[in-house]
C-alpha atoms as a PDB file:
ATOM      1  CA  MET A   1    -111.964 192.318 -86.827  1.00  0.00           C
ATOM      2  CA  HIS A   2    -113.600 193.542 -90.039  1.00  0.00           C
ATOM      3  CA  ASP A   3    -112.484 193.027 -93.610  1.00  0.00           C
ATOM      4  CA  TYR A   4    -114.715 195.666 -95.191  1.00  0.00           C
ATOM      5  CA  TYR A   5    -111.626 197.303 -96.671  1.00  0.00           C
ATOM      6  CA  ILE A   6    -111.687 194.594 -99.340  1.00  0.00           C
ATOM      7  CA  ALA A   7    -114.991 195.974-100.650  1.00  0.00           C
ATOM      8  CA  TYR A   8    -113.664 199.542-100.566  1.00  0.00           C
ATOM      9  CA  ALA A   9    -110.511 198.495-102.418  1.00  0.00           C
ATOM     10  CA  GLY A  10    -112.627 196.960-105.164  1.00  0.00           C
ATOM     11  CA  LEU A  11    -114.941 199.962-105.403  1.00  0.00           C
ATOM     12  CA  LEU A  12    -112.104 202.496-105.556  1.00  0.00           C
ATOM     13  CA  SER A  13    -109.566 200.501-107.542  1.00  0.00           C
ATOM     14  CA  GLY A  14    -107.673 202.775-109.934  1.00  0.00           C
ATOM     15  CA  ARG A  15    -109.386 205.916-108.598  1.00  0.00           C
ATOM     16  CA  ARG A  16    -106.860 207.046-105.983  1.00  0.00           C
ATOM     17  CA  HIS A  17    -105.873 210.236-107.820  1.00  0.00           C
ATOM     18  CA  GLU A  18    -109.393 211.302-108.796  1.00  0.00           C
ATOM     19  CA  GLN A  19    -111.281 214.093-107.056  1.00  0.00           C
ATOM     20  CA  LEU A  20    -113.403 211.688-105.042  1.00  0.00           C
ATOM     21  CA  ALA A  21    -116.134 212.706-102.641  1.00  0.00           C
ATOM     22  CA  ILE A  22    -116.496 210.306 -99.701  1.00  0.00           C
ATOM     23  CA  LEU A  23    -118.999 210.424 -96.823  1.00  0.00           C
ATOM     24  CA  GLU A  24    -118.904 208.302 -93.684  1.00  0.00           C
ATOM     25  CA  ILE A  25    -121.930 208.017 -91.415  1.00  0.00           C
ATOM     26  CA  GLY A  26    -120.627 207.319 -87.911  1.00  0.00           C
ATOM     27  CA  LEU A  27    -117.156 208.566 -86.988  1.00  0.00           C
ATOM     28  CA  GLY A  28    -116.651 206.069 -84.215  1.00  0.00           C
ATOM     29  CA  THR A  29    -117.363 207.727 -80.900  1.00  0.00           C
ATOM     30  CA  ASN A  30    -115.262 206.683 -77.916  1.00  0.00           C
ATOM     31  CA  ASN A  31    -117.885 207.986 -75.478  1.00  0.00           C
ATOM     32  CA  THR A  32    -119.109 204.795 -73.823  1.00  0.00           C
ATOM     33  CA  ALA A  33    -122.353 206.535 -72.804  1.00  0.00           C
ATOM     34  CA  MET A  34    -123.318 206.780 -76.489  1.00  0.00           C
ATOM     35  CA  VAL A  35    -125.079 203.986 -78.352  1.00  0.00           C
ATOM     36  CA  SER A  36    -122.912 202.182 -80.942  1.00  0.00           C
ATOM     37  CA  ASN A  37    -119.630 203.380 -79.428  1.00  0.00           C
ATOM     38  CA  MET A  38    -116.290 201.734 -80.141  1.00  0.00           C
ATOM     39  CA  GLY A  39    -114.954 201.860 -76.594  1.00  0.00           C
ATOM     40  CA  GLU A  40    -112.715 204.308 -74.764  1.00  0.00           C
ATOM     41  CA  ASP A  41    -109.652 203.419 -76.846  1.00  0.00           C
ATOM     42  CA  GLY A  42    -111.332 204.145 -80.187  1.00  0.00           C
ATOM     43  CA  LYS A  43    -110.024 206.899 -82.447  1.00  0.00           C
ATOM     44  CA  PRO A  44    -112.935 208.972 -83.829  1.00  0.00           C
ATOM     45  CA  GLY A  45    -112.491 209.939 -87.465  1.00  0.00           C
ATOM     46  CA  ALA A  46    -109.747 207.400 -88.193  1.00  0.00           C
ATOM     47  CA  LEU A  47    -111.362 206.205 -91.428  1.00  0.00           C
ATOM     48  CA  LEU A  48    -111.890 209.780 -92.639  1.00  0.00           C
ATOM     49  CA  ARG A  49    -108.200 210.477 -92.181  1.00  0.00           C
ATOM     50  CA  ALA A  50    -107.237 207.211 -93.856  1.00  0.00           C
ATOM     51  CA  PHE A  51    -109.284 208.065 -96.956  1.00  0.00           C
ATOM     52  CA  ARG A  52    -107.944 211.632 -96.994  1.00  0.00           C
ATOM     53  CA  ASP A  53    -104.353 210.394 -96.808  1.00  0.00           C
ATOM     54  CA  TRP A  54    -104.878 207.612 -99.368  1.00  0.00           C
ATOM     55  CA  ALA A  55    -106.623 209.802-101.950  1.00  0.00           C
ATOM     56  CA  PRO A  56    -104.702 213.098-102.238  1.00  0.00           C
ATOM     57  CA  HIS A  57    -107.477 214.938-104.132  1.00  0.00           C
ATOM     58  CA  ALA A  58    -110.479 213.586-102.200  1.00  0.00           C
ATOM     59  CA  LEU A  59    -112.918 215.641-100.187  1.00  0.00           C
ATOM     60  CA  VAL A  60    -113.965 213.610 -97.165  1.00  0.00           C
ATOM     61  CA  PHE A  61    -117.055 214.236 -95.075  1.00  0.00           C
ATOM     62  CA  GLY A  62    -118.312 212.587 -91.917  1.00  0.00           C
ATOM     63  CA  VAL A  63    -121.324 212.749 -89.648  1.00  0.00           C
ATOM     64  CA  ASP A  64    -122.036 211.583 -86.130  1.00  0.00           C
ATOM     65  CA  SER A  65    -124.555 212.056 -83.353  1.00  0.00           C
ATOM     66  CA  ASP A  66    -121.777 212.750 -80.832  1.00  0.00           C
ATOM     67  CA  LYS A  67    -121.102 216.483 -81.178  1.00  0.00           C
ATOM     68  CA  GLU A  68    -117.962 216.162 -79.034  1.00  0.00           C
ATOM     69  CA  ILE A  69    -116.015 214.278 -81.718  1.00  0.00           C
ATOM     70  CA  LEU A  70    -116.799 216.514 -84.704  1.00  0.00           C
ATOM     71  CA  PHE A  71    -113.778 218.201 -86.271  1.00  0.00           C
ATOM     72  CA  ALA A  72    -112.447 219.917 -89.380  1.00  0.00           C
ATOM     73  CA  GLU A  73    -109.060 219.266 -90.960  1.00  0.00           C
ATOM     74  CA  GLU A  74    -107.512 219.621 -94.374  1.00  0.00           C
ATOM     75  CA  ARG A  75    -110.051 218.190 -96.879  1.00  0.00           C
ATOM     76  CA  ILE A  76    -112.225 216.825 -94.028  1.00  0.00           C
ATOM     77  CA  ALA A  77    -115.495 218.309 -92.768  1.00  0.00           C
ATOM     78  CA  THR A  78    -117.802 216.750 -90.190  1.00  0.00           C
ATOM     79  CA  TYR A  79    -121.407 217.432 -89.249  1.00  0.00           C
ATOM     80  CA  PHE A  80    -123.909 216.498 -86.577  1.00  0.00           C
ATOM     81  CA  VAL A  81    -126.768 214.246 -87.675  1.00  0.00           C
ATOM     82  CA  ASP A  82    -129.327 212.115 -85.868  1.00  0.00           C
ATOM     83  CA  GLN A  83    -129.935 209.129 -88.112  1.00  0.00           C
ATOM     84  CA  THR A  84    -133.220 208.337 -86.427  1.00  0.00           C
ATOM     85  CA  ASP A  85    -134.596 211.705 -87.557  1.00  0.00           C
ATOM     86  CA  THR A  86    -135.252 212.172 -91.278  1.00  0.00           C
ATOM     87  CA  ASP A  87    -135.343 215.966 -90.807  1.00  0.00           C
ATOM     88  CA  SER A  88    -131.813 215.839 -89.395  1.00  0.00           C
ATOM     89  CA  LEU A  89    -130.677 213.792 -92.402  1.00  0.00           C
ATOM     90  CA  ALA A  90    -132.438 216.239 -94.751  1.00  0.00           C
ATOM     91  CA  SER A  91    -130.545 219.098 -93.079  1.00  0.00           C
ATOM     92  CA  LEU A  92    -127.331 217.240 -93.847  1.00  0.00           C
ATOM     93  CA  VAL A  93    -128.306 217.002 -97.512  1.00  0.00           C
ATOM     94  CA  GLU A  94    -128.895 220.752 -97.523  1.00  0.00           C
ATOM     95  CA  ALA A  95    -125.551 221.433 -95.795  1.00  0.00           C
ATOM     96  CA  LEU A  96    -123.772 219.354 -98.428  1.00  0.00           C
ATOM     97  CA  ARG A  97    -125.468 221.412-101.168  1.00  0.00           C
ATOM     98  CA  LYS A  98    -126.670 218.294-102.977  1.00  0.00           C
ATOM     99  CA  ARG A  99    -123.072 217.165-103.553  1.00  0.00           C
ATOM    100  CA  GLN A 100    -122.703 213.814-105.294  1.00  0.00           C
ATOM    101  CA  PHE A 101    -120.624 211.139-103.607  1.00  0.00           C
ATOM    102  CA  ASP A 102    -118.507 208.377-105.043  1.00  0.00           C
ATOM    103  CA  LEU A 103    -118.695 206.447-101.790  1.00  0.00           C
ATOM    104  CA  ILE A 104    -121.014 206.667 -98.784  1.00  0.00           C
ATOM    105  CA  ILE A 105    -120.272 204.376 -95.840  1.00  0.00           C
ATOM    106  CA  HIS A 106    -122.862 203.721 -93.170  1.00  0.00           C
ATOM    107  CA  ASP A 107    -121.082 202.742 -89.971  1.00  0.00           C
ATOM    108  CA  GLY A 108    -123.342 204.692 -87.634  1.00  0.00           C
ATOM    109  CA  LEU A 109    -126.131 203.508 -85.390  1.00  0.00           C
ATOM    110  CA  HIS A 110    -126.479 199.768 -85.776  1.00  0.00           C
ATOM    111  CA  THR A 111    -130.260 199.708 -85.896  1.00  0.00           C
ATOM    112  CA  SER A 112    -132.297 198.868 -88.961  1.00  0.00           C
ATOM    113  CA  TRP A 113    -134.338 202.051 -88.570  1.00  0.00           C
ATOM    114  CA  ALA A 114    -131.256 204.299 -88.612  1.00  0.00           C
ATOM    115  CA  LYS A 115    -129.763 202.396 -91.544  1.00  0.00           C
ATOM    116  CA  LEU A 116    -132.978 202.533 -93.578  1.00  0.00           C
ATOM    117  CA  ASN A 117    -133.441 206.250 -92.834  1.00  0.00           C
ATOM    118  CA  THR A 118    -129.929 206.932 -94.045  1.00  0.00           C
ATOM    119  CA  LEU A 119    -130.399 204.821 -97.161  1.00  0.00           C
ATOM    120  CA  ASN A 120    -133.694 206.529 -97.985  1.00  0.00           C
ATOM    121  CA  VAL A 121    -132.426 210.099 -97.609  1.00  0.00           C
ATOM    122  CA  LEU A 122    -128.860 209.772 -98.892  1.00  0.00           C
ATOM    123  CA  LEU A 123    -129.235 207.482-101.941  1.00  0.00           C
ATOM    124  CA  PRO A 124    -130.009 210.459-104.219  1.00  0.00           C
ATOM    125  CA  LEU A 125    -126.574 211.856-103.322  1.00  0.00           C
ATOM    126  CA  LEU A 126    -124.750 209.001-105.053  1.00  0.00           C
ATOM    127  CA  ALA A 127    -122.880 209.957-108.213  1.00  0.00           C
ATOM    128  CA  PRO A 128    -123.472 207.732-111.258  1.00  0.00           C
ATOM    129  CA  GLY A 129    -121.468 204.590-110.519  1.00  0.00           C
ATOM    130  CA  GLY A 130    -121.179 205.628-106.851  1.00  0.00           C
ATOM    131  CA  ALA A 131    -121.696 203.171-104.014  1.00  0.00           C
ATOM    132  CA  LEU A 132    -123.336 203.205-100.599  1.00  0.00           C
ATOM    133  CA  VAL A 133    -122.114 200.532 -98.196  1.00  0.00           C
ATOM    134  CA  VAL A 134    -124.087 199.638 -95.075  1.00  0.00           C
ATOM    135  CA  GLU A 135    -121.749 197.876 -92.654  1.00  0.00           C
ATOM    136  CA  ASP A 136    -122.400 195.473 -89.791  1.00  0.00           C
ATOM    137  CA  MET A 137    -125.467 193.672 -91.091  1.00  0.00           C
ATOM    138  CA  LEU A 138    -126.561 190.783 -88.870  1.00  0.00           C
ATOM    139  CA  ASP A 139    -128.081 187.572 -90.222  1.00  0.00           C
ATOM    140  CA  THR A 140    -131.421 188.342 -88.580  1.00  0.00           C
ATOM    141  CA  TYR A 141    -131.797 191.544 -90.631  1.00  0.00           C
ATOM    142  CA  LEU A 142    -131.053 190.014 -94.044  1.00  0.00           C
ATOM    143  CA  PRO A 143    -134.696 189.458 -95.110  1.00  0.00           C
ATOM    144  CA  ALA A 144    -135.462 193.190 -94.730  1.00  0.00           C
ATOM    145  CA  TRP A 145    -132.419 194.080 -96.817  1.00  0.00           C
ATOM    146  CA  GLN A 146    -133.396 191.568 -99.481  1.00  0.00           C
ATOM    147  CA  VAL A 147    -136.697 193.444 -99.762  1.00  0.00           C
ATOM    148  CA  ALA A 148    -134.815 196.767 -99.966  1.00  0.00           C
ATOM    149  CA  ALA A 149    -132.659 195.349-102.772  1.00  0.00           C
ATOM    150  CA  ALA A 150    -135.744 194.233-104.687  1.00  0.00           C
ATOM    151  CA  LEU A 151    -137.325 197.691-104.358  1.00  0.00           C
ATOM    152  CA  LEU A 152    -134.168 199.458-105.543  1.00  0.00           C
ATOM    153  CA  LYS A 153    -133.234 197.171-108.432  1.00  0.00           C
ATOM    154  CA  SER A 154    -134.363 199.451-111.282  1.00  0.00           C
ATOM    155  CA  ALA A 155    -131.968 202.316-110.470  1.00  0.00           C
ATOM    156  CA  TYR A 156    -129.347 200.552-108.350  1.00  0.00           C
ATOM    157  CA  ARG A 157    -127.359 197.343-108.269  1.00  0.00           C
ATOM    158  CA  CYS A 158    -127.645 195.812-104.786  1.00  0.00           C
ATOM    159  CA  ARG A 159    -125.705 193.001-103.186  1.00  0.00           C
ATOM    160  CA  LEU A 160    -125.403 191.451 -99.761  1.00  0.00           C
ATOM    161  CA  ILE A 161    -121.788 190.451 -99.181  1.00  0.00           C
ATOM    162  CA  ARG A 162    -120.639 188.135 -96.406  1.00  0.00           C
ATOM    163  CA  CYS A 163    -117.536 189.457 -94.668  1.00  0.00           C
ATOM    164  CA  LYS A 164    -115.530 188.012 -91.808  1.00  0.00           C
ATOM    165  CA  ALA A 165    -117.554 189.452 -88.911  1.00  0.00           C
ATOM    166  CA  ALA A 166    -120.858 190.441 -90.530  1.00  0.00           C
ATOM    167  CA  TRP A 167    -122.585 191.250 -93.810  1.00  0.00           C
ATOM    168  CA  ILE A 168    -122.461 194.450 -95.804  1.00  0.00           C
ATOM    169  CA  PHE A 169    -125.226 195.767 -98.031  1.00  0.00           C
ATOM    170  CA  LEU A 170    -123.744 197.335-101.150  1.00  0.00           C
ATOM    171  CA  VAL A 171    -125.838 199.663-103.325  1.00  0.00           C
ATOM    172  CA  GLN A 172    -124.317 200.988-106.547  1.00  0.00           C
ATOM    173  CA  ARG A 173    -126.027 203.636-108.635  1.00  0.00           C
ATOM    174  CA  ARG A 174    -126.293 202.580-112.244  1.00  0.00           C
ATOM    175  CA  MET A 175    -124.380 204.706-114.752  1.00  0.00           C
ATOM    176  CA  THR A 176    -127.472 205.395-116.886  1.00  0.00           C
END
């Protein structure tokens, strides 16, 4: 349904064998009682495993508000976070020891508040040249994200990109 992988392929082109650090917000809960779930047949953590398998030297991290789907595997660590709570996000930053990420993907709660909280707290974790991608942007939210892009333009390169099912908001930290 989504073609976001095209953006990820462009962002990570030629970097497969680097020691990448990747963080995904939202592991894809299959608990239908949770907000922003992917249905009973979903496979939580599938994207984390795909990145781990594709990039043999990557460290992959994930967070979710569903504690039941958190796990640890080779080169994968997951954490609980409530994206609506900036203190919870700040605790995540502390747990990650101010690690810098080459790619941060927001595929968590599909509310503007949760997305903006995540952007606000996690942007400083981007490595120079690193990117933060906010998935599943609806047309009705685009004006708010255009304002965010204008506010961030001195330190980041921001773009709204139309994909098959929705928009993505791409923020790249400038190299200098």
